Amino acid sequence: MIRRVASSDALRVRFWGIRGSTCASGPQFVEFGSHTPCIEVRCGERLFILDAGTGLSAFGSELGPSAPDKIDILLSHLHLDHISGLPFFKPALLAKERVIRTYCGNLEGESAMEPLNRIFAPPLFPVRLGQLPARFEHHGFKAGEPLTLDDGARIETHLLNHPGGATGFRISHRGRSVCYISDVEHSDVWPDPGLQHFVRDADLMIFDGMFSDAEYSYCRGWGHSTWQKGVELAQSAGVKSLAIFHLYPGHDDGFLKAAEVEMQAVMPTAFMARERQSFIFEPMEDNMDMNCSEPALAQAGGG
């Protein structure tokens, strides 16, 4: 079902960067996009940003001066493809009173401050984040523990199997939920019981499907998975819709469209994520069946 108008209290998701490792470029990458990971999630008017790859720059340009005074960025981890958009985030350049807060869970409770200050500093980068007009605050936590923000918002987290660790996030609002499982390598026992429990009954799971089954045999240990394993996890956990994400930069539009057709023959509500694609999950009313078999997914354009 397609709807163009969302209620003011819907859970909304929009993709701003969907590639992994590095950007893709060229006319054969138009449909799915080129930027590295960044996702906008709104719980009503409350904004969360999942990862700060190059897609953060595009999102920031659209936000401009309309950005809230406090912005929360949930970092899955600190590999370059997930943080390289930070100094190019336009709201950080527009207002001295703005606060941008990062949350990082794969450093044993330490924040991202020291690593980010190392990367965004001469000679690797001309300016430090602290030199930008906005004020950055960096918060650490341990993946697997719930993350509670200063306004009482609570986000569930899960430690992911990735070199150096990564954090999965589950954001819930008004009976709806989205799970962000980027940068994960499937285990030999799959679906992993802990991850299966974490994503159970989510309205949307965003999952790392960087490689094809054939490619994975050459990339074992790199910390990434396949769309087939994403489908297995989603179906075993009752996930209603599945977005395959962290797309390999060498997979062009033709490859991804063909893989999407193959995937949807197994799980019709699965799809390859596309930049600027957005989805709306209307609030679950008290008298509605929380275990309805049809996915509560409304695409809001930008496909």
C-alpha atoms as a PDB file:
ATOM      1  CA  MET A   1       0.000   0.000   0.000  1.00  0.00           C
ATOM      2  CA  ILE A   2       1.427   3.379  -1.040  1.00  0.00           C
ATOM      3  CA  ARG A   3       0.619   6.517   0.942  1.00  0.00           C
ATOM      4  CA  ARG A   4       2.054   9.986   0.485  1.00  0.00           C
ATOM      5  CA  VAL A   5       0.913  11.697   3.682  1.00  0.00           C
ATOM      6  CA  ALA A   6       2.107  10.528   7.095  1.00  0.00           C
ATOM      7  CA  SER A   7       0.601  11.338  10.452  1.00  0.00           C
ATOM      8  CA  SER A   8       2.710  13.648  12.587  1.00  0.00           C
ATOM      9  CA  ASP A   9       3.508  10.781  14.965  1.00  0.00           C
ATOM     10  CA  ALA A  10       4.608   8.135  12.463  1.00  0.00           C
ATOM     11  CA  LEU A  11       7.928   6.294  12.474  1.00  0.00           C
ATOM     12  CA  ARG A  12       9.696   7.422   9.308  1.00  0.00           C
ATOM     13  CA  VAL A  13      12.850   6.063   7.698  1.00  0.00           C
ATOM     14  CA  ARG A  14      14.824   7.557   4.821  1.00  0.00           C
ATOM     15  CA  PHE A  15      18.009   6.284   3.201  1.00  0.00           C
ATOM     16  CA  TRP A  16      20.737   8.830   2.441  1.00  0.00           C
ATOM     17  CA  GLY A  17      23.677   6.481   1.914  1.00  0.00           C
ATOM     18  CA  ILE A  18      23.469   2.767   1.111  1.00  0.00           C
ATOM     19  CA  ARG A  19      26.941   1.695  -0.096  1.00  0.00           C
ATOM     20  CA  GLY A  20      29.654   0.001   1.911  1.00  0.00           C
ATOM     21  CA  SER A  21      33.428   0.566   2.049  1.00  0.00           C
ATOM     22  CA  THR A  22      33.549   3.371  -0.516  1.00  0.00           C
ATOM     23  CA  CYS A  23      31.302   5.385  -2.799  1.00  0.00           C
ATOM     24  CA  ALA A  24      30.207   4.173  -6.212  1.00  0.00           C
ATOM     25  CA  SER A  25      30.359   6.444  -9.238  1.00  0.00           C
ATOM     26  CA  GLY A  26      29.151   6.367 -12.816  1.00  0.00           C
ATOM     27  CA  PRO A  27      25.972   6.162 -14.897  1.00  0.00           C
ATOM     28  CA  GLN A  28      25.514   2.502 -13.997  1.00  0.00           C
ATOM     29  CA  PHE A  29      24.977   3.421 -10.314  1.00  0.00           C
ATOM     30  CA  VAL A  30      22.097   5.891 -10.659  1.00  0.00           C
ATOM     31  CA  GLU A  31      19.092   3.898  -9.437  1.00  0.00           C
ATOM     32  CA  PHE A  32      20.491   2.673  -6.121  1.00  0.00           C
ATOM     33  CA  GLY A  33      22.911   5.490  -5.362  1.00  0.00           C
ATOM     34  CA  SER A  34      26.516   6.066  -4.467  1.00  0.00           C
ATOM     35  CA  HIS A  35      26.912   7.363  -0.892  1.00  0.00           C
ATOM     36  CA  THR A  36      28.168   5.415   2.134  1.00  0.00           C
ATOM     37  CA  PRO A  37      25.937   4.687   5.156  1.00  0.00           C
ATOM     38  CA  CYS A  38      23.551   7.249   6.566  1.00  0.00           C
ATOM     39  CA  ILE A  39      19.890   6.802   7.508  1.00  0.00           C
ATOM     40  CA  GLU A  40      17.402   9.338   8.824  1.00  0.00           C
ATOM     41  CA  VAL A  41      14.911   7.994  11.381  1.00  0.00           C
ATOM     42  CA  ARG A  42      12.152  10.163  12.818  1.00  0.00           C
ATOM     43  CA  CYS A  43       9.930   9.176  15.714  1.00  0.00           C
ATOM     44  CA  GLY A  44       7.265  11.786  15.219  1.00  0.00           C
ATOM     45  CA  GLU A  45       9.386  14.937  15.143  1.00  0.00           C
ATOM     46  CA  ARG A  46      12.273  13.344  17.071  1.00  0.00           C
ATOM     47  CA  LEU A  47      15.290  12.890  14.795  1.00  0.00           C
ATOM     48  CA  PHE A  48      17.916  10.151  14.950  1.00  0.00           C
ATOM     49  CA  ILE A  49      20.699   9.657  12.413  1.00  0.00           C
ATOM     50  CA  LEU A  50      22.163   6.202  11.915  1.00  0.00           C
ATOM     51  CA  ASP A  51      25.807   6.461  10.853  1.00  0.00           C
ATOM     52  CA  ALA A  52      27.658   9.392   9.344  1.00  0.00           C
ATOM     53  CA  GLY A  53      28.990   8.214   5.991  1.00  0.00           C
ATOM     54  CA  THR A  54      29.078  10.436   2.924  1.00  0.00           C
ATOM     55  CA  GLY A  55      25.273  10.309   2.801  1.00  0.00           C
ATOM     56  CA  LEU A  56      25.298  12.611   5.847  1.00  0.00           C
ATOM     57  CA  SER A  57      26.471  15.440   3.614  1.00  0.00           C
ATOM     58  CA  ALA A  58      23.451  15.044   1.310  1.00  0.00           C
ATOM     59  CA  PHE A  59      21.100  14.850   4.280  1.00  0.00           C
ATOM     60  CA  GLY A  60      22.668  17.910   5.866  1.00  0.00           C
ATOM     61  CA  SER A  61      22.206  19.917   2.683  1.00  0.00           C
ATOM     62  CA  GLU A  62      18.499  19.144   2.754  1.00  0.00           C
ATOM     63  CA  LEU A  63      18.169  19.894   6.467  1.00  0.00           C
ATOM     64  CA  GLY A  64      20.088  23.164   6.301  1.00  0.00           C
ATOM     65  CA  PRO A  65      18.990  25.719   8.904  1.00  0.00           C
ATOM     66  CA  SER A  66      15.820  23.717   9.653  1.00  0.00           C
ATOM     67  CA  ALA A  67      17.891  21.158  11.581  1.00  0.00           C
ATOM     68  CA  PRO A  68      17.016  20.820  15.279  1.00  0.00           C
ATOM     69  CA  ASP A  69      19.260  22.451  17.854  1.00  0.00           C
ATOM     70  CA  LYS A  70      20.268  19.018  19.180  1.00  0.00           C
ATOM     71  CA  ILE A  71      21.128  16.211  16.774  1.00  0.00           C
ATOM     72  CA  ASP A  72      21.849  12.614  17.786  1.00  0.00           C
ATOM     73  CA  ILE A  73      24.056  10.451  15.560  1.00  0.00           C
ATOM     74  CA  LEU A  74      24.179   6.741  16.401  1.00  0.00           C
ATOM     75  CA  LEU A  75      27.414   5.258  15.074  1.00  0.00           C
ATOM     76  CA  SER A  76      27.526   1.558  14.321  1.00  0.00           C
ATOM     77  CA  HIS A  77      31.337   1.790  14.473  1.00  0.00           C
ATOM     78  CA  LEU A  78      34.137   4.074  13.345  1.00  0.00           C
ATOM     79  CA  HIS A  79      35.354   2.641  10.044  1.00  0.00           C
ATOM     80  CA  LEU A  80      35.858   5.453   7.553  1.00  0.00           C
ATOM     81  CA  ASP A  81      32.833   4.696   5.401  1.00  0.00           C
ATOM     82  CA  HIS A  82      30.620   5.285   8.458  1.00  0.00           C
ATOM     83  CA  ILE A  83      32.086   8.596   9.681  1.00  0.00           C
ATOM     84  CA  SER A  84      33.512  10.448   6.670  1.00  0.00           C
ATOM     85  CA  GLY A  85      30.477  12.713   6.300  1.00  0.00           C
ATOM     86  CA  LEU A  86      30.834  14.331   9.731  1.00  0.00           C
ATOM     87  CA  PRO A  87      32.890  17.426   8.788  1.00  0.00           C
ATOM     88  CA  PHE A  88      30.670  18.015   5.735  1.00  0.00           C
ATOM     89  CA  PHE A  89      27.381  18.030   7.673  1.00  0.00           C
ATOM     90  CA  LYS A  90      25.891  21.435   6.858  1.00  0.00           C
ATOM     91  CA  PRO A  91      23.988  21.941  10.154  1.00  0.00           C
ATOM     92  CA  ALA A  92      27.355  21.800  11.940  1.00  0.00           C
ATOM     93  CA  LEU A  93      28.446  24.852   9.961  1.00  0.00           C
ATOM     94  CA  LEU A  94      25.363  27.020  10.401  1.00  0.00           C
ATOM     95  CA  ALA A  95      24.769  27.609  14.106  1.00  0.00           C
ATOM     96  CA  LYS A  96      27.084  28.013  17.084  1.00  0.00           C
ATOM     97  CA  GLU A  97      24.276  27.033  19.474  1.00  0.00           C
ATOM     98  CA  ARG A  98      23.714  23.650  17.803  1.00  0.00           C
ATOM     99  CA  VAL A  99      24.862  20.510  19.637  1.00  0.00           C
ATOM    100  CA  ILE A 100      25.712  17.364  17.701  1.00  0.00           C
ATOM    101  CA  ARG A 101      25.963  14.264  19.879  1.00  0.00           C
ATOM    102  CA  THR A 102      27.591  11.037  18.754  1.00  0.00           C
ATOM    103  CA  TYR A 103      26.987   7.676  20.411  1.00  0.00           C
ATOM    104  CA  CYS A 104      29.429   4.810  19.929  1.00  0.00           C
ATOM    105  CA  GLY A 105      29.052   1.345  21.494  1.00  0.00           C
ATOM    106  CA  ASN A 106      31.914  -0.813  20.247  1.00  0.00           C
ATOM    107  CA  LEU A 107      34.773   0.737  22.275  1.00  0.00           C
ATOM    108  CA  GLU A 108      34.091  -0.906  25.657  1.00  0.00           C
ATOM    109  CA  GLY A 109      32.256   2.149  26.922  1.00  0.00           C
ATOM    110  CA  GLU A 110      34.664   4.761  25.558  1.00  0.00           C
ATOM    111  CA  SER A 111      33.308   7.510  23.342  1.00  0.00           C
ATOM    112  CA  ALA A 112      34.354   8.227  19.760  1.00  0.00           C
ATOM    113  CA  MET A 113      36.065  11.482  20.745  1.00  0.00           C
ATOM    114  CA  GLU A 114      39.689  10.341  20.683  1.00  0.00           C
ATOM    115  CA  PRO A 115      39.500   8.365  17.396  1.00  0.00           C
ATOM    116  CA  LEU A 116      37.545  11.141  15.659  1.00  0.00           C
ATOM    117  CA  ASN A 117      40.011  13.757  16.888  1.00  0.00           C
ATOM    118  CA  ARG A 118      42.817  11.623  15.480  1.00  0.00           C
ATOM    119  CA  ILE A 119      41.224  11.304  12.036  1.00  0.00           C
ATOM    120  CA  PHE A 120      39.831  14.805  11.652  1.00  0.00           C
ATOM    121  CA  ALA A 121      43.060  16.663  12.344  1.00  0.00           C
ATOM    122  CA  PRO A 122      46.177  17.653  10.372  1.00  0.00           C
ATOM    123  CA  PRO A 123      47.864  16.118   8.486  1.00  0.00           C
ATOM    124  CA  LEU A 124      44.969  13.749   7.682  1.00  0.00           C
ATOM    125  CA  PHE A 125      42.301  16.482   7.563  1.00  0.00           C
ATOM    126  CA  PRO A 126      42.669  20.280   7.582  1.00  0.00           C
ATOM    127  CA  VAL A 127      40.348  21.072  10.518  1.00  0.00           C
ATOM    128  CA  ARG A 128      39.178  19.394  13.703  1.00  0.00           C
ATOM    129  CA  LEU A 129      35.512  18.790  14.450  1.00  0.00           C
ATOM    130  CA  GLY A 130      35.948  21.068  17.464  1.00  0.00           C
ATOM    131  CA  GLN A 131      36.773  23.958  15.134  1.00  0.00           C
ATOM    132  CA  LEU A 132      33.375  23.790  13.435  1.00  0.00           C
ATOM    133  CA  PRO A 133      30.742  26.260  14.638  1.00  0.00           C
ATOM    134  CA  ALA A 134      28.484  23.623  16.202  1.00  0.00           C
ATOM    135  CA  ARG A 135      29.521  21.914  19.426  1.00  0.00           C
ATOM    136  CA  PHE A 136      30.196  18.176  19.298  1.00  0.00           C
ATOM    137  CA  GLU A 137      29.559  15.946  22.301  1.00  0.00           C
ATOM    138  CA  HIS A 138      30.700  12.336  22.240  1.00  0.00           C
ATOM    139  CA  HIS A 139      29.095   9.600  24.349  1.00  0.00           C
ATOM    140  CA  GLY A 140      30.234   6.032  24.845  1.00  0.00           C
ATOM    141  CA  PHE A 141      28.269   2.960  25.890  1.00  0.00           C
ATOM    142  CA  LYS A 142      28.652  -0.800  25.639  1.00  0.00           C
ATOM    143  CA  ALA A 143      26.844  -2.486  22.765  1.00  0.00           C
ATOM    144  CA  GLY A 144      24.224  -4.841  24.116  1.00  0.00           C
ATOM    145  CA  GLU A 145      23.112  -2.393  26.788  1.00  0.00           C
ATOM    146  CA  PRO A 146      20.094  -0.137  26.229  1.00  0.00           C
ATOM    147  CA  LEU A 147      20.989   3.411  25.306  1.00  0.00           C
ATOM    148  CA  THR A 148      19.006   6.082  27.176  1.00  0.00           C
ATOM    149  CA  LEU A 149      19.265   9.648  25.911  1.00  0.00           C
ATOM    150  CA  ASP A 150      18.842  12.843  27.901  1.00  0.00           C
ATOM    151  CA  ASP A 151      15.178  13.277  26.925  1.00  0.00           C
ATOM    152  CA  GLY A 152      14.324   9.748  28.059  1.00  0.00           C
ATOM    153  CA  ALA A 153      14.382   8.188  24.594  1.00  0.00           C
ATOM    154  CA  ARG A 154      15.479   4.549  24.840  1.00  0.00           C
ATOM    155  CA  ILE A 155      17.175   2.591  22.072  1.00  0.00           C
ATOM    156  CA  GLU A 156      18.004  -1.099  22.235  1.00  0.00           C
ATOM    157  CA  THR A 157      21.463  -2.145  21.034  1.00  0.00           C
ATOM    158  CA  HIS A 158      23.240  -5.360  20.067  1.00  0.00           C
ATOM    159  CA  LEU A 159      26.917  -6.207  19.550  1.00  0.00           C
ATOM    160  CA  LEU A 160      27.560  -7.333  15.959  1.00  0.00           C
ATOM    161  CA  ASN A 161      30.155  -9.710  14.524  1.00  0.00           C
ATOM    162  CA  HIS A 162      32.515  -7.347  12.694  1.00  0.00           C
ATOM    163  CA  PRO A 163      36.279  -6.678  12.932  1.00  0.00           C
ATOM    164  CA  GLY A 164      36.671  -4.357  15.915  1.00  0.00           C
ATOM    165  CA  GLY A 165      33.002  -4.777  16.754  1.00  0.00           C
ATOM    166  CA  ALA A 166      29.936  -2.877  15.590  1.00  0.00           C
ATOM    167  CA  THR A 167      26.594  -1.971  17.125  1.00  0.00           C
ATOM    168  CA  GLY A 168      23.126  -2.823  15.901  1.00  0.00           C
ATOM    169  CA  PHE A 169      20.277  -0.518  16.890  1.00  0.00           C
ATOM    170  CA  ARG A 170      16.552  -1.046  17.391  1.00  0.00           C
ATOM    171  CA  ILE A 171      14.455   2.132  17.414  1.00  0.00           C
ATOM    172  CA  SER A 172      10.821   1.758  18.470  1.00  0.00           C
ATOM    173  CA  HIS A 173       8.004   4.270  18.377  1.00  0.00           C
ATOM    174  CA  ARG A 174       4.261   3.939  18.910  1.00  0.00           C
ATOM    175  CA  GLY A 175       4.242   0.184  18.389  1.00  0.00           C
ATOM    176  CA  ARG A 176       6.532   0.254  15.340  1.00  0.00           C
ATOM    177  CA  SER A 177      10.215  -0.597  15.144  1.00  0.00           C
ATOM    178  CA  VAL A 178      13.183  -0.475  12.792  1.00  0.00           C
ATOM    179  CA  CYS A 179      16.374  -2.496  13.299  1.00  0.00           C
ATOM    180  CA  TYR A 180      19.698  -1.357  11.854  1.00  0.00           C
ATOM    181  CA  ILE A 181      22.055  -4.314  11.397  1.00  0.00           C
ATOM    182  CA  SER A 182      24.877  -2.930   9.308  1.00  0.00           C
ATOM    183  CA  ASP A 183      28.369  -4.444   9.187  1.00  0.00           C
ATOM    184  CA  VAL A 184      27.675  -7.926  10.453  1.00  0.00           C
ATOM    185  CA  GLU A 185      29.066 -11.274   9.351  1.00  0.00           C
ATOM    186  CA  HIS A 186      26.734 -14.220   9.744  1.00  0.00           C
ATOM    187  CA  SER A 187      27.872 -16.926  12.119  1.00  0.00           C
ATOM    188  CA  ASP A 188      28.284 -20.613  11.316  1.00  0.00           C
ATOM    189  CA  VAL A 189      25.139 -21.267  13.351  1.00  0.00           C
ATOM    190  CA  TRP A 190      22.572 -19.086  11.616  1.00  0.00           C
ATOM    191  CA  PRO A 191      20.316 -17.412  12.371  1.00  0.00           C
ATOM    192  CA  ASP A 192      22.209 -16.347  15.470  1.00  0.00           C
ATOM    193  CA  PRO A 193      19.747 -16.791  18.396  1.00  0.00           C
ATOM    194  CA  GLY A 194      20.661 -13.516  20.092  1.00  0.00           C
ATOM    195  CA  LEU A 195      20.318 -11.475  16.921  1.00  0.00           C
ATOM    196  CA  GLN A 196      17.136 -13.338  16.051  1.00  0.00           C
ATOM    197  CA  HIS A 197      15.637 -12.263  19.377  1.00  0.00           C
ATOM    198  CA  PHE A 198      16.865  -8.681  18.891  1.00  0.00           C
ATOM    199  CA  VAL A 199      15.125  -8.165  15.529  1.00  0.00           C
ATOM    200  CA  ARG A 200      12.010 -10.224  16.243  1.00  0.00           C
ATOM    201  CA  ASP A 201       8.783  -8.799  14.772  1.00  0.00           C
ATOM    202  CA  ALA A 202      10.451  -5.586  13.586  1.00  0.00           C
ATOM    203  CA  ASP A 203       8.533  -3.664  10.940  1.00  0.00           C
ATOM    204  CA  LEU A 204      11.763  -3.108   9.015  1.00  0.00           C
ATOM    205  CA  MET A 205      15.200  -4.677   9.325  1.00  0.00           C
ATOM    206  CA  ILE A 206      18.073  -2.965   7.521  1.00  0.00           C
ATOM    207  CA  PHE A 207      20.702  -5.648   6.966  1.00  0.00           C
ATOM    208  CA  ASP A 208      24.249  -5.848   5.610  1.00  0.00           C
ATOM    209  CA  GLY A 209      24.029  -7.785   2.344  1.00  0.00           C
ATOM    210  CA  MET A 210      27.287  -6.594   0.823  1.00  0.00           C
ATOM    211  CA  PHE A 211      28.255  -9.804  -0.960  1.00  0.00           C
ATOM    212  CA  SER A 212      26.602 -12.433  -3.087  1.00  0.00           C
ATOM    213  CA  ASP A 213      26.838 -16.044  -1.952  1.00  0.00           C
ATOM    214  CA  ALA A 214      29.523 -16.664  -4.581  1.00  0.00           C
ATOM    215  CA  GLU A 215      31.587 -13.645  -3.478  1.00  0.00           C
ATOM    216  CA  TYR A 216      31.335 -14.455   0.215  1.00  0.00           C
ATOM    217  CA  SER A 217      33.478 -17.556  -0.130  1.00  0.00           C
ATOM    218  CA  TYR A 218      36.397 -15.239  -1.007  1.00  0.00           C
ATOM    219  CA  CYS A 219      35.552 -12.638   1.644  1.00  0.00           C
ATOM    220  CA  ARG A 220      35.043 -14.738   4.749  1.00  0.00           C
ATOM    221  CA  GLY A 221      36.209 -12.881   7.849  1.00  0.00           C
ATOM    222  CA  TRP A 222      35.746  -9.424   6.346  1.00  0.00           C
ATOM    223  CA  GLY A 223      32.721  -8.736   8.563  1.00  0.00           C
ATOM    224  CA  HIS A 224      29.893  -8.715   6.011  1.00  0.00           C
ATOM    225  CA  SER A 225      27.014 -10.927   4.967  1.00  0.00           C
ATOM    226  CA  THR A 226      24.688 -11.761   2.056  1.00  0.00           C
ATOM    227  CA  TRP A 227      21.078 -11.056   1.171  1.00  0.00           C
ATOM    228  CA  GLN A 228      20.340 -14.774   1.519  1.00  0.00           C
ATOM    229  CA  LYS A 229      21.393 -14.716   5.174  1.00  0.00           C
ATOM    230  CA  GLY A 230      19.374 -11.552   5.691  1.00  0.00           C
ATOM    231  CA  VAL A 231      16.271 -13.277   4.375  1.00  0.00           C
ATOM    232  CA  GLU A 232      16.895 -16.302   6.592  1.00  0.00           C
ATOM    233  CA  LEU A 233      17.185 -14.077   9.663  1.00  0.00           C
ATOM    234  CA  ALA A 234      14.154 -11.967   8.752  1.00  0.00           C
ATOM    235  CA  GLN A 235      11.889 -14.929   8.073  1.00  0.00           C
ATOM    236  CA  SER A 236      12.964 -16.796  11.188  1.00  0.00           C
ATOM    237  CA  ALA A 237      12.299 -13.731  13.381  1.00  0.00           C
ATOM    238  CA  GLY A 238       8.992 -12.624  11.879  1.00  0.00           C
ATOM    239  CA  VAL A 239      10.466  -9.412  10.461  1.00  0.00           C
ATOM    240  CA  LYS A 240       7.873  -7.795   8.221  1.00  0.00           C
ATOM    241  CA  SER A 241      10.109  -6.000   5.701  1.00  0.00           C
ATOM    242  CA  LEU A 242      13.808  -6.320   4.868  1.00  0.00           C
ATOM    243  CA  ALA A 243      16.113  -3.711   3.327  1.00  0.00           C
ATOM    244  CA  ILE A 244      19.436  -5.011   2.041  1.00  0.00           C
ATOM    245  CA  PHE A 245      22.058  -2.358   2.744  1.00  0.00           C
ATOM    246  CA  HIS A 246      25.812  -1.692   2.744  1.00  0.00           C
ATOM    247  CA  LEU A 247      25.792  -2.550  -0.930  1.00  0.00           C
ATOM    248  CA  TYR A 248      29.081  -3.499  -2.565  1.00  0.00           C
ATOM    249  CA  PRO A 249      30.335  -0.495  -4.596  1.00  0.00           C
ATOM    250  CA  GLY A 250      31.054  -2.748  -7.564  1.00  0.00           C
ATOM    251  CA  HIS A 251      27.454  -3.954  -7.839  1.00  0.00           C
ATOM    252  CA  ASP A 252      25.793  -1.768 -10.457  1.00  0.00           C
ATOM    253  CA  ASP A 253      22.089  -1.157 -11.056  1.00  0.00           C
ATOM    254  CA  GLY A 254      21.722  -4.181 -13.322  1.00  0.00           C
ATOM    255  CA  PHE A 255      23.308  -6.542 -10.807  1.00  0.00           C
ATOM    256  CA  LEU A 256      21.227  -5.220  -7.908  1.00  0.00           C
ATOM    257  CA  LYS A 257      17.936  -5.278  -9.807  1.00  0.00           C
ATOM    258  CA  ALA A 258      18.535  -8.892 -10.804  1.00  0.00           C
ATOM    259  CA  ALA A 259      19.423  -9.840  -7.228  1.00  0.00           C
ATOM    260  CA  GLU A 260      16.317  -8.040  -5.963  1.00  0.00           C
ATOM    261  CA  VAL A 261      14.083 -10.063  -8.276  1.00  0.00           C
ATOM    262  CA  GLU A 262      15.696 -13.269  -7.052  1.00  0.00           C
ATOM    263  CA  MET A 263      15.331 -12.194  -3.422  1.00  0.00           C
ATOM    264  CA  GLN A 264      11.692 -11.144  -3.743  1.00  0.00           C
ATOM    265  CA  ALA A 265      10.828 -14.568  -5.118  1.00  0.00           C
ATOM    266  CA  VAL A 266      11.793 -15.847  -1.653  1.00  0.00           C
ATOM    267  CA  MET A 267      10.618 -12.862   0.446  1.00  0.00           C
ATOM    268  CA  PRO A 268       8.277 -10.454  -1.391  1.00  0.00           C
ATOM    269  CA  THR A 269       8.691  -7.704   1.224  1.00  0.00           C
ATOM    270  CA  ALA A 270      12.480  -7.621   0.855  1.00  0.00           C
ATOM    271  CA  PHE A 271      14.234  -5.027  -1.330  1.00  0.00           C
ATOM    272  CA  MET A 272      17.594  -3.495  -2.115  1.00  0.00           C
ATOM    273  CA  ALA A 273      17.843  -0.097  -0.413  1.00  0.00           C
ATOM    274  CA  ARG A 274      17.925   2.974  -2.636  1.00  0.00           C
ATOM    275  CA  GLU A 275      19.139   6.440  -1.742  1.00  0.00           C
ATOM    276  CA  ARG A 276      16.380   8.906  -0.797  1.00  0.00           C
ATOM    277  CA  GLN A 277      13.886   6.076  -0.585  1.00  0.00           C
ATOM    278  CA  SER A 278      11.640   6.664   2.405  1.00  0.00           C
ATOM    279  CA  PHE A 279       9.088   4.667   4.354  1.00  0.00           C
ATOM    280  CA  ILE A 280       6.328   5.486   6.794  1.00  0.00           C
ATOM    281  CA  PHE A 281       5.101   3.280   9.624  1.00  0.00           C
ATOM    282  CA  GLU A 282       1.884   4.670  11.052  1.00  0.00           C
ATOM    283  CA  PRO A 283       1.340   4.351  14.822  1.00  0.00           C
ATOM    284  CA  MET A 284      -0.075   1.026  15.923  1.00  0.00           C
ATOM    285  CA  GLU A 285      -3.497   1.581  17.434  1.00  0.00           C
ATOM    286  CA  ASP A 286      -4.291  -0.230  20.671  1.00  0.00           C
ATOM    287  CA  ASN A 287      -7.044  -2.273  19.069  1.00  0.00           C
ATOM    288  CA  MET A 288      -4.972  -3.466  16.111  1.00  0.00           C
ATOM    289  CA  ASP A 289      -3.358  -6.896  15.950  1.00  0.00           C
ATOM    290  CA  MET A 290       0.326  -6.433  16.734  1.00  0.00           C
ATOM    291  CA  ASN A 291       1.132  -9.687  14.924  1.00  0.00           C
ATOM    292  CA  CYS A 292      -0.619  -8.881  11.659  1.00  0.00           C
ATOM    293  CA  SER A 293       0.737 -10.889   8.759  1.00  0.00           C
ATOM    294  CA  GLU A 294       0.809  -8.003   6.280  1.00  0.00           C
ATOM    295  CA  PRO A 295       3.808  -5.651   6.544  1.00  0.00           C
ATOM    296  CA  ALA A 296       2.893  -2.195   7.861  1.00  0.00           C
ATOM    297  CA  LEU A 297       5.016  -0.507   5.216  1.00  0.00           C
ATOM    298  CA  ALA A 298       4.038   2.638   3.344  1.00  0.00           C
ATOM    299  CA  GLN A 299       6.531   3.982   0.831  1.00  0.00           C
ATOM    300  CA  ALA A 300       6.652   7.752   0.794  1.00  0.00           C
ATOM    301  CA  GLY A 301       8.364   8.415  -2.491  1.00  0.00           C
ATOM    302  CA  GLY A 302      11.954   9.302  -3.233  1.00  0.00           C
ATOM    303  CA  GLY A 303      12.463   5.854  -4.752  1.00  0.00           C
END
